Each structure stands twice: as C-alpha cells, then as structure tokens.
C-alpha cells in the first residue's frame, strides 16, 4: 500500500481550517470607495458565460462605469454566484455614490 505525502495531509488540513474560519467570521465590512467597476467584474466574471461577460462590459460603457450600476447589473445573474458574492454586490448596489 502506497502512503500519501505528508504535504497532502497538510493541504487538506489547511483547506478545512480556512473554510471553517470563513464560515465563522463576521459579515464583511464594505466600503463603497474601495470598489470600482473593475473589481465587480473581477468578482463575477468567473461565474458568467462569455456572452454575459460581454454584456457586462457593454453595460459598463453605457453607464459610465459606475460601481453601483455594475453591482445592479451583476445581480441580474445572482443565482450564478455564491452567497458571499451576492452579499457584497447588494452592499455595493446600495452605495449609489456614482463612483
């Protein structure tokens, strides 16, 4: 029987600890000024199909890259994202600072 490398067990343990700490942490504080259109794109693009990515880029151009508009547009696909991303998008949508 072949034994597994100790680094495998270390990786599994660290991953489990990370996931546990994320689930136990307090809700993330969101500062509207810390986010822009691009940060919203980077957050949601991994969950969107290519045509929806293109639509989001076009929406950015037409809304002058306002952060709250990016969040608003991205939330139209909220079923595609993890809950943590949806929570951040909702907070950014509420900012409505025009940034």
N, C-alpha and C. Protein backbone atom coordinates (compact mmCIF):
# COMPACT_ATOMS: atom_id res chain seq x y z
N UNK A 1 0.83 -1.17 0.00
CA UNK A 1 0.00 0.00 0.00
C UNK A 1 0.89 1.25 0.00
N UNK A 2 0.58 2.14 -0.87
CA UNK A 2 1.36 3.37 -1.03
C UNK A 2 0.86 4.43 -0.04
N UNK A 3 1.79 5.06 0.68
CA UNK A 3 1.36 6.09 1.63
C UNK A 3 1.34 7.45 0.94
N UNK A 4 0.46 8.30 1.43
CA UNK A 4 0.34 9.63 0.86
C UNK A 4 1.40 10.55 1.44
N UNK A 5 1.76 11.52 0.67
CA UNK A 5 2.75 12.51 1.04
C UNK A 5 2.21 13.35 2.22
N UNK A 6 3.03 13.64 3.23
CA UNK A 6 2.57 14.45 4.36
C UNK A 6 2.06 15.83 3.94
N UNK A 7 2.57 16.38 2.85
CA UNK A 7 2.09 17.69 2.41
C UNK A 7 0.65 17.62 1.95
N UNK A 8 0.21 16.45 1.49
CA UNK A 8 -1.20 16.28 1.12
C UNK A 8 -2.08 16.48 2.34
N UNK A 9 -1.72 15.86 3.45
CA UNK A 9 -2.50 15.99 4.68
C UNK A 9 -2.47 17.43 5.20
N UNK A 10 -1.33 18.07 5.06
CA UNK A 10 -1.21 19.46 5.48
C UNK A 10 -2.13 20.34 4.65
N UNK A 11 -2.16 20.11 3.34
CA UNK A 11 -3.03 20.88 2.45
C UNK A 11 -4.49 20.70 2.81
N UNK A 12 -4.87 19.45 3.06
CA UNK A 12 -6.27 19.16 3.41
C UNK A 12 -6.62 19.85 4.72
N UNK A 13 -5.75 19.78 5.70
CA UNK A 13 -6.00 20.40 6.99
C UNK A 13 -6.11 21.92 6.87
N UNK A 14 -5.20 22.54 6.12
CA UNK A 14 -5.24 23.99 5.95
C UNK A 14 -6.49 24.43 5.21
N UNK A 15 -6.91 23.67 4.22
CA UNK A 15 -8.13 23.99 3.48
C UNK A 15 -9.33 23.91 4.41
N UNK A 16 -9.41 22.86 5.21
CA UNK A 16 -10.53 22.70 6.15
C UNK A 16 -10.55 23.85 7.16
N UNK A 17 -9.39 24.23 7.68
CA UNK A 17 -9.32 25.34 8.63
C UNK A 17 -9.75 26.66 7.98
N UNK A 18 -9.32 26.87 6.75
CA UNK A 18 -9.71 28.08 6.04
C UNK A 18 -11.22 28.15 5.85
N UNK A 19 -11.79 27.05 5.38
CA UNK A 19 -13.24 27.03 5.16
C UNK A 19 -14.00 27.22 6.46
N UNK A 20 -13.53 26.62 7.54
CA UNK A 20 -14.18 26.78 8.83
C UNK A 20 -14.10 28.23 9.30
N UNK A 21 -12.93 28.85 9.15
CA UNK A 21 -12.77 30.23 9.61
C UNK A 21 -13.63 31.18 8.79
N UNK A 22 -13.79 30.91 7.51
CA UNK A 22 -14.64 31.75 6.66
C UNK A 22 -16.09 31.66 7.10
N UNK A 23 -16.52 30.47 7.45
CA UNK A 23 -17.92 30.30 7.84
C UNK A 23 -18.20 30.89 9.21
N UNK A 24 -17.18 31.07 10.04
CA UNK A 24 -17.36 31.58 11.39
C UNK A 24 -17.12 33.09 11.50
N UNK A 25 -16.62 33.70 10.45
CA UNK A 25 -16.26 35.12 10.54
C UNK A 25 -17.49 36.01 10.48
N UNK A 26 -17.32 37.23 10.98
CA UNK A 26 -18.39 38.21 10.95
C UNK A 26 -18.59 38.69 9.52
N UNK A 27 -19.76 39.26 9.22
CA UNK A 27 -20.01 39.76 7.86
C UNK A 27 -18.95 40.78 7.46
N UNK A 28 -18.57 40.71 6.21
CA UNK A 28 -17.52 41.57 5.70
C UNK A 28 -18.00 43.01 5.62
N UNK A 29 -17.18 43.93 6.10
CA UNK A 29 -17.47 45.36 6.00
C UNK A 29 -17.12 45.81 4.59
N UNK A 30 -18.02 46.56 3.98
CA UNK A 30 -17.83 47.02 2.62
C UNK A 30 -17.73 48.54 2.62
N UNK A 31 -16.67 49.04 2.04
CA UNK A 31 -16.52 50.47 1.85
C UNK A 31 -16.73 50.76 0.36
N UNK A 32 -17.69 51.59 0.09
CA UNK A 32 -18.04 51.88 -1.30
C UNK A 32 -16.85 52.40 -2.10
N UNK A 33 -16.02 53.22 -1.47
CA UNK A 33 -14.89 53.80 -2.16
C UNK A 33 -13.78 52.81 -2.49
N UNK A 34 -13.83 51.63 -1.86
CA UNK A 34 -12.79 50.63 -2.09
C UNK A 34 -13.05 49.77 -3.31
N UNK A 35 -14.19 49.96 -3.96
CA UNK A 35 -14.55 49.14 -5.11
C UNK A 35 -14.85 50.02 -6.31
N UNK A 36 -14.59 49.46 -7.48
CA UNK A 36 -14.93 50.14 -8.73
C UNK A 36 -15.51 49.10 -9.68
N UNK A 37 -15.83 49.55 -10.88
CA UNK A 37 -16.44 48.65 -11.86
C UNK A 37 -15.58 47.42 -12.08
N UNK A 38 -14.29 47.63 -12.21
CA UNK A 38 -13.39 46.52 -12.49
C UNK A 38 -13.38 45.49 -11.36
N UNK A 39 -13.43 45.94 -10.12
CA UNK A 39 -13.43 44.97 -9.01
C UNK A 39 -14.71 44.14 -9.01
N UNK A 40 -15.83 44.75 -9.43
CA UNK A 40 -17.08 43.98 -9.55
C UNK A 40 -16.94 42.96 -10.68
N UNK A 41 -16.39 43.39 -11.80
CA UNK A 41 -16.14 42.47 -12.93
C UNK A 41 -15.30 41.28 -12.48
N UNK A 42 -14.20 41.57 -11.81
CA UNK A 42 -13.30 40.50 -11.38
C UNK A 42 -13.99 39.53 -10.42
N UNK A 43 -14.92 40.04 -9.65
CA UNK A 43 -15.63 39.20 -8.70
C UNK A 43 -16.61 38.25 -9.38
N UNK A 44 -17.29 38.73 -10.43
CA UNK A 44 -18.37 37.93 -11.02
C UNK A 44 -18.00 37.21 -12.32
N UNK A 45 -16.98 37.66 -13.03
CA UNK A 45 -16.65 37.05 -14.32
C UNK A 45 -16.44 35.55 -14.26
N UNK A 46 -15.81 35.02 -13.22
CA UNK A 46 -15.62 33.56 -13.21
C UNK A 46 -16.93 32.77 -13.22
N UNK A 47 -18.03 33.42 -12.88
CA UNK A 47 -19.32 32.73 -12.78
C UNK A 47 -20.21 32.98 -13.99
N UNK A 48 -19.77 33.85 -14.92
CA UNK A 48 -20.61 34.22 -16.05
C UNK A 48 -20.14 33.56 -17.35
N UNK A 49 -21.10 33.26 -18.19
CA UNK A 49 -20.80 32.77 -19.54
C UNK A 49 -20.19 33.94 -20.34
N UNK A 50 -19.52 33.61 -21.42
CA UNK A 50 -18.82 34.62 -22.23
C UNK A 50 -19.75 35.71 -22.75
N UNK A 51 -20.96 35.34 -23.18
CA UNK A 51 -21.88 36.36 -23.70
C UNK A 51 -22.35 37.31 -22.60
N UNK A 52 -22.47 36.82 -21.38
CA UNK A 52 -22.86 37.69 -20.26
C UNK A 52 -21.70 38.58 -19.83
N UNK A 53 -20.48 38.09 -19.98
CA UNK A 53 -19.31 38.93 -19.72
C UNK A 53 -19.29 40.10 -20.70
N UNK A 54 -19.56 39.80 -21.96
CA UNK A 54 -19.60 40.85 -22.98
C UNK A 54 -20.71 41.85 -22.68
N UNK A 55 -21.86 41.35 -22.28
CA UNK A 55 -22.98 42.24 -21.94
C UNK A 55 -22.61 43.15 -20.77
N UNK A 56 -21.88 42.61 -19.81
CA UNK A 56 -21.49 43.42 -18.67
C UNK A 56 -20.51 44.51 -19.08
N UNK A 57 -19.59 44.19 -19.97
CA UNK A 57 -18.64 45.19 -20.48
C UNK A 57 -19.39 46.30 -21.20
N UNK A 58 -20.35 45.93 -22.03
CA UNK A 58 -21.14 46.93 -22.77
C UNK A 58 -21.96 47.78 -21.81
N UNK A 59 -22.51 47.17 -20.76
CA UNK A 59 -23.27 47.91 -19.76
C UNK A 59 -22.37 48.91 -19.05
N UNK A 60 -21.14 48.52 -18.79
CA UNK A 60 -20.19 49.42 -18.15
C UNK A 60 -19.94 50.67 -18.98
N UNK A 61 -19.79 50.47 -20.29
CA UNK A 61 -19.55 51.60 -21.17
C UNK A 61 -20.75 52.54 -21.19
N UNK A 62 -21.95 51.98 -21.19
CA UNK A 62 -23.13 52.83 -21.28
C UNK A 62 -23.50 53.49 -19.95
N UNK A 63 -23.01 52.96 -18.83
CA UNK A 63 -23.34 53.56 -17.53
C UNK A 63 -22.17 54.33 -16.94
N UNK A 64 -21.19 54.64 -17.76
CA UNK A 64 -20.02 55.40 -17.35
C UNK A 64 -19.28 54.74 -16.20
N UNK A 65 -19.29 53.43 -16.17
CA UNK A 65 -18.53 52.62 -15.21
C UNK A 65 -18.82 52.97 -13.75
N UNK A 66 -20.06 53.21 -13.43
CA UNK A 66 -20.46 53.48 -12.05
C UNK A 66 -20.55 52.16 -11.29
N UNK A 67 -19.93 52.13 -10.13
CA UNK A 67 -19.82 50.89 -9.35
C UNK A 67 -21.19 50.33 -8.99
N UNK A 68 -22.10 51.17 -8.52
CA UNK A 68 -23.41 50.65 -8.12
C UNK A 68 -24.18 50.09 -9.31
N UNK A 69 -23.93 50.63 -10.49
CA UNK A 69 -24.57 50.10 -11.70
C UNK A 69 -23.99 48.73 -12.06
N UNK A 70 -22.70 48.56 -11.84
CA UNK A 70 -22.07 47.25 -12.08
C UNK A 70 -22.69 46.21 -11.17
N UNK A 71 -22.83 46.56 -9.90
CA UNK A 71 -23.43 45.63 -8.94
C UNK A 71 -24.87 45.33 -9.31
N UNK A 72 -25.60 46.36 -9.70
CA UNK A 72 -27.01 46.18 -10.09
C UNK A 72 -27.12 45.24 -11.28
N UNK A 73 -26.29 45.46 -12.30
CA UNK A 73 -26.32 44.60 -13.48
C UNK A 73 -25.91 43.17 -13.11
N UNK A 74 -24.86 43.04 -12.33
CA UNK A 74 -24.37 41.71 -11.95
C UNK A 74 -25.42 40.93 -11.16
N UNK A 75 -26.22 41.63 -10.37
CA UNK A 75 -27.24 40.95 -9.57
C UNK A 75 -28.36 40.34 -10.40
N UNK A 76 -28.45 40.72 -11.68
CA UNK A 76 -29.46 40.09 -12.53
C UNK A 76 -29.14 38.61 -12.75
N UNK A 77 -27.91 38.21 -12.41
CA UNK A 77 -27.48 36.82 -12.55
C UNK A 77 -27.13 36.22 -11.18
N UNK A 78 -27.74 36.73 -10.12
CA UNK A 78 -27.31 36.37 -8.77
C UNK A 78 -27.38 34.88 -8.47
N UNK A 79 -28.22 34.14 -9.17
CA UNK A 79 -28.28 32.69 -8.92
C UNK A 79 -27.00 31.98 -9.34
N UNK A 80 -26.14 32.67 -10.09
CA UNK A 80 -24.88 32.09 -10.54
C UNK A 80 -23.75 32.23 -9.52
N UNK A 81 -23.94 33.07 -8.49
CA UNK A 81 -22.86 33.39 -7.58
C UNK A 81 -23.04 32.73 -6.21
N UNK A 82 -21.93 32.56 -5.51
CA UNK A 82 -22.03 32.13 -4.10
C UNK A 82 -22.69 33.24 -3.27
N UNK A 83 -23.24 32.88 -2.13
CA UNK A 83 -23.91 33.85 -1.26
C UNK A 83 -23.01 35.01 -0.87
N UNK A 84 -21.73 34.74 -0.64
CA UNK A 84 -20.81 35.80 -0.22
C UNK A 84 -20.69 36.89 -1.29
N UNK A 85 -20.68 36.49 -2.56
CA UNK A 85 -20.59 37.46 -3.67
C UNK A 85 -21.88 38.26 -3.75
N UNK A 86 -23.01 37.60 -3.60
CA UNK A 86 -24.31 38.29 -3.65
C UNK A 86 -24.40 39.33 -2.54
N UNK A 87 -23.94 39.00 -1.34
CA UNK A 87 -23.98 39.96 -0.23
C UNK A 87 -23.15 41.19 -0.54
N UNK A 88 -21.96 40.99 -1.09
CA UNK A 88 -21.10 42.13 -1.45
C UNK A 88 -21.76 42.97 -2.54
N UNK A 89 -22.30 42.32 -3.55
CA UNK A 89 -22.95 43.05 -4.64
C UNK A 89 -24.13 43.88 -4.13
N UNK A 90 -24.92 43.32 -3.23
CA UNK A 90 -26.06 44.07 -2.68
C UNK A 90 -25.60 45.30 -1.91
N UNK A 91 -24.51 45.17 -1.17
CA UNK A 91 -23.99 46.33 -0.43
C UNK A 91 -23.45 47.39 -1.39
N UNK A 92 -22.79 46.95 -2.46
CA UNK A 92 -22.26 47.90 -3.44
C UNK A 92 -23.40 48.56 -4.22
N UNK A 93 -24.45 47.81 -4.50
CA UNK A 93 -25.59 48.37 -5.21
C UNK A 93 -26.23 49.50 -4.37
N UNK A 94 -26.24 49.32 -3.07
CA UNK A 94 -26.83 50.31 -2.17
C UNK A 94 -25.97 51.57 -2.05
N UNK A 95 -24.71 51.50 -2.43
CA UNK A 95 -23.83 52.66 -2.31
C UNK A 95 -24.33 53.84 -3.13
N UNK A 96 -24.63 53.59 -4.38
CA UNK A 96 -25.17 54.62 -5.28
C UNK A 96 -24.42 55.94 -5.17
N UNK A 97 -23.09 55.85 -5.10
CA UNK A 97 -22.27 57.05 -4.98
C UNK A 97 -21.89 57.63 -6.33
N UNK A 98 -22.16 56.86 -7.38
CA UNK A 98 -21.78 57.34 -8.69
C UNK A 98 -20.35 57.09 -9.04
N UNK A 99 -19.64 56.30 -8.20
CA UNK A 99 -18.23 56.02 -8.49
C UNK A 99 -18.10 54.83 -9.39
